[in-house]
Amino acid sequence: TLRSFTLEGELLRTWGTPGQPGAPGEPFNRPTWAVRSNDGGIYVTDGYGQQRVHHYSADGDLLHSWGTEGTGPGEFSLPHGVRVDSRGRVLVLDRCTDSRVELFEPDGTFIEEWKDVAGPNDIFIDQDDFVYIAEAGNDCVSIWNLDGELLDRLGKRGKELGDFADSLHGLWIDSHGDLYTVEVPYLDNRIQKFERI
């Protein structure tokens, strides 16, 4: 399911039926991520049970879905994360067989792909349009610009602070520009904070 709550935890709406997968190609079968777009719409990656992205209006109505299993343009082998950039493009992390970031128009039209990633799990775009990607396969956070240029990689495999000992699974940037990362299942799902200097 996809659920919407108030900041106080009150359930506002549920999409899908708890415990019952949607029909093939329809929402949902173990969705992986949901994000609001610039116009208030919602994009959901439906990654574990089927290889789809679903696009909802700001009112919560399903507009369209796209994706099939595969490694070609617009195909997925576990769409795991999604964000919408300041240009209105939809960035989808395709995590498994052919690790990459696929970029789409809001209607699902394929634009391009970024290939120099390994096991991308999560993505965040900050207010300066830097794109941060949690790469489990490279044990790092990669930093990109919106033109698809790799700017830097932070971290390495290890157990010390600043290293990543297990699957780098999530990240977030706060209002100060500080980076937070989550590893699962290492050290009871360790969270680290990296201060922006």
C-alpha atoms as a PDB file:
ATOM      1  CA  THR A   1       0.000   0.000   0.000  1.00  0.00           C
ATOM      2  CA  LEU A   2       0.774   3.687  -0.133  1.00  0.00           C
ATOM      3  CA  ARG A   3      -0.409   5.658   2.893  1.00  0.00           C
ATOM      4  CA  SER A   4      -0.640   9.378   3.662  1.00  0.00           C
ATOM      5  CA  PHE A   5      -0.493  10.695   7.251  1.00  0.00           C
ATOM      6  CA  THR A   6      -0.633  14.052   9.000  1.00  0.00           C
ATOM      7  CA  LEU A   7       2.465  15.140  10.930  1.00  0.00           C
ATOM      8  CA  GLU A   8       0.627  14.007  14.060  1.00  0.00           C
ATOM      9  CA  GLY A   9       0.321  10.467  12.675  1.00  0.00           C
ATOM     10  CA  GLU A  10      -3.336  10.511  11.640  1.00  0.00           C
ATOM     11  CA  LEU A  11      -3.978   8.296   8.611  1.00  0.00           C
ATOM     12  CA  LEU A  12      -5.483  10.364   5.809  1.00  0.00           C
ATOM     13  CA  ARG A  13      -5.649   7.919   2.915  1.00  0.00           C
ATOM     14  CA  THR A  14      -4.589   4.453   1.799  1.00  0.00           C
ATOM     15  CA  TRP A  15      -3.996   3.444  -1.819  1.00  0.00           C
ATOM     16  CA  GLY A  16      -4.079  -0.285  -2.510  1.00  0.00           C
ATOM     17  CA  THR A  17      -5.407  -3.099  -0.342  1.00  0.00           C
ATOM     18  CA  PRO A  18      -3.320  -4.229   2.667  1.00  0.00           C
ATOM     19  CA  GLY A  19      -2.047  -7.778   2.199  1.00  0.00           C
ATOM     20  CA  GLN A  20      -3.406  -8.069  -1.345  1.00  0.00           C
ATOM     21  CA  PRO A  21      -1.130  -7.412  -4.345  1.00  0.00           C
ATOM     22  CA  GLY A  22      -2.584  -5.454  -7.233  1.00  0.00           C
ATOM     23  CA  ALA A  23      -3.204  -7.083 -10.594  1.00  0.00           C
ATOM     24  CA  PRO A  24      -0.129  -7.397 -12.868  1.00  0.00           C
ATOM     25  CA  GLY A  25       0.951  -3.898 -13.881  1.00  0.00           C
ATOM     26  CA  GLU A  26      -1.427  -2.228 -11.425  1.00  0.00           C
ATOM     27  CA  PRO A  27      -0.590  -0.735  -8.005  1.00  0.00           C
ATOM     28  CA  PHE A  28       0.828  -2.246  -5.816  1.00  0.00           C
ATOM     29  CA  ASN A  29       3.010  -5.305  -5.348  1.00  0.00           C
ATOM     30  CA  ARG A  30       5.570  -4.492  -2.631  1.00  0.00           C
ATOM     31  CA  PRO A  31       6.324  -0.849  -3.514  1.00  0.00           C
ATOM     32  CA  THR A  32       9.752   0.507  -2.604  1.00  0.00           C
ATOM     33  CA  TRP A  33       9.502   4.317  -2.564  1.00  0.00           C
ATOM     34  CA  ALA A  34       7.134   7.270  -2.936  1.00  0.00           C
ATOM     35  CA  VAL A  35       7.897  10.950  -3.493  1.00  0.00           C
ATOM     36  CA  ARG A  36       5.959  14.148  -4.184  1.00  0.00           C
ATOM     37  CA  SER A  37       6.721  15.987  -7.404  1.00  0.00           C
ATOM     38  CA  ASN A  38       7.071  19.744  -7.868  1.00  0.00           C
ATOM     39  CA  ASP A  39       3.381  20.054  -8.785  1.00  0.00           C
ATOM     40  CA  GLY A  40       2.187  18.010  -5.799  1.00  0.00           C
ATOM     41  CA  GLY A  41       1.800  14.751  -7.703  1.00  0.00           C
ATOM     42  CA  ILE A  42       3.146  11.452  -6.401  1.00  0.00           C
ATOM     43  CA  TYR A  43       5.516   8.952  -8.024  1.00  0.00           C
ATOM     44  CA  VAL A  44       5.765   5.438  -6.586  1.00  0.00           C
ATOM     45  CA  THR A  45       8.331   2.787  -7.509  1.00  0.00           C
ATOM     46  CA  ASP A  46       6.675  -0.635  -7.370  1.00  0.00           C
ATOM     47  CA  GLY A  47       9.902  -2.584  -7.294  1.00  0.00           C
ATOM     48  CA  TYR A  48       9.894  -5.870  -5.453  1.00  0.00           C
ATOM     49  CA  GLY A  49       6.787  -7.511  -6.874  1.00  0.00           C
ATOM     50  CA  GLN A  50       6.752  -5.870 -10.290  1.00  0.00           C
ATOM     51  CA  GLN A  51       8.918  -3.511 -12.319  1.00  0.00           C
ATOM     52  CA  ARG A  52       6.739  -0.383 -12.483  1.00  0.00           C
ATOM     53  CA  VAL A  53       6.510   3.313 -11.703  1.00  0.00           C
ATOM     54  CA  HIS A  54       3.066   4.751 -10.909  1.00  0.00           C
ATOM     55  CA  HIS A  55       2.252   8.459 -11.274  1.00  0.00           C
ATOM     56  CA  TYR A  56      -0.584  10.013  -9.264  1.00  0.00           C
ATOM     57  CA  SER A  57      -2.079  13.488  -9.481  1.00  0.00           C
ATOM     58  CA  ALA A  58      -1.953  15.932  -6.562  1.00  0.00           C
ATOM     59  CA  ASP A  59      -5.492  14.755  -5.762  1.00  0.00           C
ATOM     60  CA  GLY A  60      -4.282  11.162  -5.532  1.00  0.00           C
ATOM     61  CA  ASP A  61      -5.743   9.853  -8.799  1.00  0.00           C
ATOM     62  CA  LEU A  62      -3.674   7.366 -10.828  1.00  0.00           C
ATOM     63  CA  LEU A  63      -2.598   9.101 -14.050  1.00  0.00           C
ATOM     64  CA  HIS A  64      -0.456   6.398 -15.635  1.00  0.00           C
ATOM     65  CA  SER A  65       2.131   3.684 -15.000  1.00  0.00           C
ATOM     66  CA  TRP A  66       5.170   2.534 -16.934  1.00  0.00           C
ATOM     67  CA  GLY A  67       7.932  -0.065 -16.927  1.00  0.00           C
ATOM     68  CA  THR A  68       8.485  -3.742 -17.618  1.00  0.00           C
ATOM     69  CA  GLU A  69      11.188  -6.173 -16.534  1.00  0.00           C
ATOM     70  CA  GLY A  70      14.431  -5.851 -18.469  1.00  0.00           C
ATOM     71  CA  THR A  71      17.581  -3.804 -18.977  1.00  0.00           C
ATOM     72  CA  GLY A  72      16.545  -1.624 -21.924  1.00  0.00           C
ATOM     73  CA  PRO A  73      15.381   2.006 -21.830  1.00  0.00           C
ATOM     74  CA  GLY A  74      12.316   2.299 -19.610  1.00  0.00           C
ATOM     75  CA  GLU A  75      12.724  -1.248 -18.293  1.00  0.00           C
ATOM     76  CA  PHE A  76      13.664  -2.143 -14.722  1.00  0.00           C
ATOM     77  CA  SER A  77      15.309  -4.819 -12.626  1.00  0.00           C
ATOM     78  CA  LEU A  78      14.129  -3.500  -9.249  1.00  0.00           C
ATOM     79  CA  PRO A  79      13.228   0.192  -9.342  1.00  0.00           C
ATOM     80  CA  HIS A  80      14.183   1.057  -5.764  1.00  0.00           C
ATOM     81  CA  GLY A  81      14.107   4.844  -5.363  1.00  0.00           C
ATOM     82  CA  VAL A  82      12.665   7.884  -7.107  1.00  0.00           C
ATOM     83  CA  ARG A  83      13.049  11.681  -7.018  1.00  0.00           C
ATOM     84  CA  VAL A  84      11.922  14.589  -9.175  1.00  0.00           C
ATOM     85  CA  ASP A  85      14.553  17.227  -9.991  1.00  0.00           C
ATOM     86  CA  SER A  86      14.140  20.985 -10.438  1.00  0.00           C
ATOM     87  CA  ARG A  87      13.823  20.433 -14.211  1.00  0.00           C
ATOM     88  CA  GLY A  88      10.760  18.237 -13.645  1.00  0.00           C
ATOM     89  CA  ARG A  89      12.537  15.026 -14.656  1.00  0.00           C
ATOM     90  CA  VAL A  90      11.804  11.790 -12.805  1.00  0.00           C
ATOM     91  CA  LEU A  91      14.983  10.003 -11.659  1.00  0.00           C
ATOM     92  CA  VAL A  92      14.482   6.280 -10.953  1.00  0.00           C
ATOM     93  CA  LEU A  93      17.138   4.083  -9.365  1.00  0.00           C
ATOM     94  CA  ASP A  94      17.288   0.709 -11.129  1.00  0.00           C
ATOM     95  CA  ARG A  95      19.118  -1.330  -8.511  1.00  0.00           C
ATOM     96  CA  CYS A  96      19.847  -4.858  -9.683  1.00  0.00           C
ATOM     97  CA  THR A  97      20.949  -6.480 -12.932  1.00  0.00           C
ATOM     98  CA  ASP A  98      22.073  -3.387 -14.844  1.00  0.00           C
ATOM     99  CA  SER A  99      22.574  -0.818 -12.051  1.00  0.00           C
ATOM    100  CA  ARG A 100      21.790   2.681 -13.275  1.00  0.00           C
ATOM    101  CA  VAL A 101      19.726   5.831 -12.856  1.00  0.00           C
ATOM    102  CA  GLU A 102      17.023   6.223 -15.498  1.00  0.00           C
ATOM    103  CA  LEU A 103      15.620   9.677 -16.238  1.00  0.00           C
ATOM    104  CA  PHE A 104      12.083  10.215 -17.548  1.00  0.00           C
ATOM    105  CA  GLU A 105       9.679  12.947 -18.526  1.00  0.00           C
ATOM    106  CA  PRO A 106       6.705  13.204 -16.125  1.00  0.00           C
ATOM    107  CA  ASP A 107       4.626  11.074 -18.522  1.00  0.00           C
ATOM    108  CA  GLY A 108       7.175   8.224 -18.425  1.00  0.00           C
ATOM    109  CA  THR A 109       8.993   9.021 -21.673  1.00  0.00           C
ATOM    110  CA  PHE A 110      12.594   7.809 -21.363  1.00  0.00           C
ATOM    111  CA  ILE A 111      15.266  10.557 -21.571  1.00  0.00           C
ATOM    112  CA  GLU A 112      18.619   9.002 -20.668  1.00  0.00           C
ATOM    113  CA  GLU A 113      20.468   6.854 -18.139  1.00  0.00           C
ATOM    114  CA  TRP A 114      23.462   7.319 -15.835  1.00  0.00           C
ATOM    115  CA  LYS A 115      25.492   4.110 -15.669  1.00  0.00           C
ATOM    116  CA  ASP A 116      28.411   4.656 -13.270  1.00  0.00           C
ATOM    117  CA  VAL A 117      26.557   3.411 -10.166  1.00  0.00           C
ATOM    118  CA  ALA A 118      26.473   0.070  -8.336  1.00  0.00           C
ATOM    119  CA  GLY A 119      23.493  -1.077  -6.329  1.00  0.00           C
ATOM    120  CA  PRO A 120      21.812   2.333  -5.979  1.00  0.00           C
ATOM    121  CA  ASN A 121      19.364   2.252  -3.072  1.00  0.00           C
ATOM    122  CA  ASP A 122      18.381   5.849  -2.329  1.00  0.00           C
ATOM    123  CA  ILE A 123      18.637   9.281  -3.926  1.00  0.00           C
ATOM    124  CA  PHE A 124      18.347  12.856  -2.649  1.00  0.00           C
ATOM    125  CA  ILE A 125      18.563  16.150  -4.548  1.00  0.00           C
ATOM    126  CA  ASP A 126      19.538  19.144  -2.413  1.00  0.00           C
ATOM    127  CA  GLN A 127      18.585  22.803  -2.786  1.00  0.00           C
ATOM    128  CA  ASP A 128      21.748  23.431  -4.850  1.00  0.00           C
ATOM    129  CA  ASP A 129      20.778  20.689  -7.336  1.00  0.00           C
ATOM    130  CA  PHE A 130      23.461  18.252  -6.215  1.00  0.00           C
ATOM    131  CA  VAL A 131      22.285  14.647  -6.547  1.00  0.00           C
ATOM    132  CA  TYR A 132      23.357  12.229  -3.781  1.00  0.00           C
ATOM    133  CA  ILE A 133      23.061   8.480  -4.396  1.00  0.00           C
ATOM    134  CA  ALA A 134      23.532   5.726  -1.787  1.00  0.00           C
ATOM    135  CA  GLU A 135      25.508   3.026  -3.612  1.00  0.00           C
ATOM    136  CA  ALA A 136      25.503  -0.305  -1.772  1.00  0.00           C
ATOM    137  CA  GLY A 137      27.642  -1.919  -4.476  1.00  0.00           C
ATOM    138  CA  ASN A 138      30.418   0.675  -4.161  1.00  0.00           C
ATOM    139  CA  ASP A 139      30.032   1.244  -0.389  1.00  0.00           C
ATOM    140  CA  CYS A 140      29.825   4.980  -0.924  1.00  0.00           C
ATOM    141  CA  VAL A 141      27.682   8.029  -1.514  1.00  0.00           C
ATOM    142  CA  SER A 142      28.174   9.407  -5.000  1.00  0.00           C
ATOM    143  CA  ILE A 143      27.532  13.076  -5.795  1.00  0.00           C
ATOM    144  CA  TRP A 144      26.348  14.193  -9.238  1.00  0.00           C
ATOM    145  CA  ASN A 145      25.151  17.326 -10.972  1.00  0.00           C
ATOM    146  CA  LEU A 146      21.896  17.440 -12.936  1.00  0.00           C
ATOM    147  CA  ASP A 147      23.769  16.929 -16.207  1.00  0.00           C
ATOM    148  CA  GLY A 148      24.823  13.455 -15.087  1.00  0.00           C
ATOM    149  CA  GLU A 149      28.442  14.304 -14.262  1.00  0.00           C
ATOM    150  CA  LEU A 150      29.931  12.359 -11.344  1.00  0.00           C
ATOM    151  CA  LEU A 151      31.536  14.939  -9.023  1.00  0.00           C
ATOM    152  CA  ASP A 152      32.774  12.844  -6.103  1.00  0.00           C
ATOM    153  CA  ARG A 153      32.374   9.679  -4.040  1.00  0.00           C
ATOM    154  CA  LEU A 154      32.375   9.645  -0.234  1.00  0.00           C
ATOM    155  CA  GLY A 155      33.183   6.597   1.890  1.00  0.00           C
ATOM    156  CA  LYS A 156      34.627   3.130   1.516  1.00  0.00           C
ATOM    157  CA  ARG A 157      34.075  -0.385   2.847  1.00  0.00           C
ATOM    158  CA  GLY A 158      34.938  -0.630   6.531  1.00  0.00           C
ATOM    159  CA  LYS A 159      33.694  -0.537  10.112  1.00  0.00           C
ATOM    160  CA  GLU A 160      35.173   2.765  11.289  1.00  0.00           C
ATOM    161  CA  LEU A 161      33.178   5.981  11.499  1.00  0.00           C
ATOM    162  CA  GLY A 162      32.796   7.400   8.015  1.00  0.00           C
ATOM    163  CA  ASP A 163      33.095   3.943   6.437  1.00  0.00           C
ATOM    164  CA  PHE A 164      30.215   1.747   5.350  1.00  0.00           C
ATOM    165  CA  ALA A 165      30.226  -1.771   6.757  1.00  0.00           C
ATOM    166  CA  ASP A 166      27.070  -3.109   5.197  1.00  0.00           C
ATOM    167  CA  SER A 167      24.371  -2.257   2.688  1.00  0.00           C
ATOM    168  CA  LEU A 168      24.189   1.530   2.376  1.00  0.00           C
ATOM    169  CA  HIS A 169      20.427   1.755   2.091  1.00  0.00           C
ATOM    170  CA  GLY A 170      19.243   5.315   2.765  1.00  0.00           C
ATOM    171  CA  LEU A 171      20.380   8.926   2.884  1.00  0.00           C
ATOM    172  CA  TRP A 172      19.053  12.417   3.551  1.00  0.00           C
ATOM    173  CA  ILE A 173      20.355  15.999   3.485  1.00  0.00           C
ATOM    174  CA  ASP A 174      19.084  18.395   6.164  1.00  0.00           C
ATOM    175  CA  SER A 175      18.524  22.173   5.955  1.00  0.00           C
ATOM    176  CA  HIS A 176      22.185  22.800   6.934  1.00  0.00           C
ATOM    177  CA  GLY A 177      23.506  20.593   4.133  1.00  0.00           C
ATOM    178  CA  ASP A 178      24.559  17.814   6.522  1.00  0.00           C
ATOM    179  CA  LEU A 179      24.342  14.254   5.184  1.00  0.00           C
ATOM    180  CA  TYR A 180      22.734  11.343   7.051  1.00  0.00           C
ATOM    181  CA  THR A 181      23.222   7.728   5.942  1.00  0.00           C
ATOM    182  CA  VAL A 182      21.624   4.424   6.955  1.00  0.00           C
ATOM    183  CA  GLU A 183      23.222   0.981   6.720  1.00  0.00           C
ATOM    184  CA  VAL A 184      21.220  -2.228   7.055  1.00  0.00           C
ATOM    185  CA  PRO A 185      21.536  -4.538   8.899  1.00  0.00           C
ATOM    186  CA  TYR A 186      24.979  -3.625  10.331  1.00  0.00           C
ATOM    187  CA  LEU A 187      25.170  -2.482  13.983  1.00  0.00           C
ATOM    188  CA  ASP A 188      21.412  -2.545  14.443  1.00  0.00           C
ATOM    189  CA  ASN A 189      20.867  -0.484  11.285  1.00  0.00           C
ATOM    190  CA  ARG A 190      23.524   2.190  11.885  1.00  0.00           C
ATOM    191  CA  ILE A 191      22.877   5.863  11.112  1.00  0.00           C
ATOM    192  CA  GLN A 192      25.827   8.199  10.476  1.00  0.00           C
ATOM    193  CA  LYS A 193      25.910  11.989  10.168  1.00  0.00           C
ATOM    194  CA  PHE A 194      28.430  13.800   7.958  1.00  0.00           C
ATOM    195  CA  GLU A 195      28.719  17.531   8.602  1.00  0.00           C
ATOM    196  CA  ARG A 196      28.971  19.839   5.625  1.00  0.00           C
ATOM    197  CA  ILE A 197      32.036  22.096   5.892  1.00  0.00           C
END
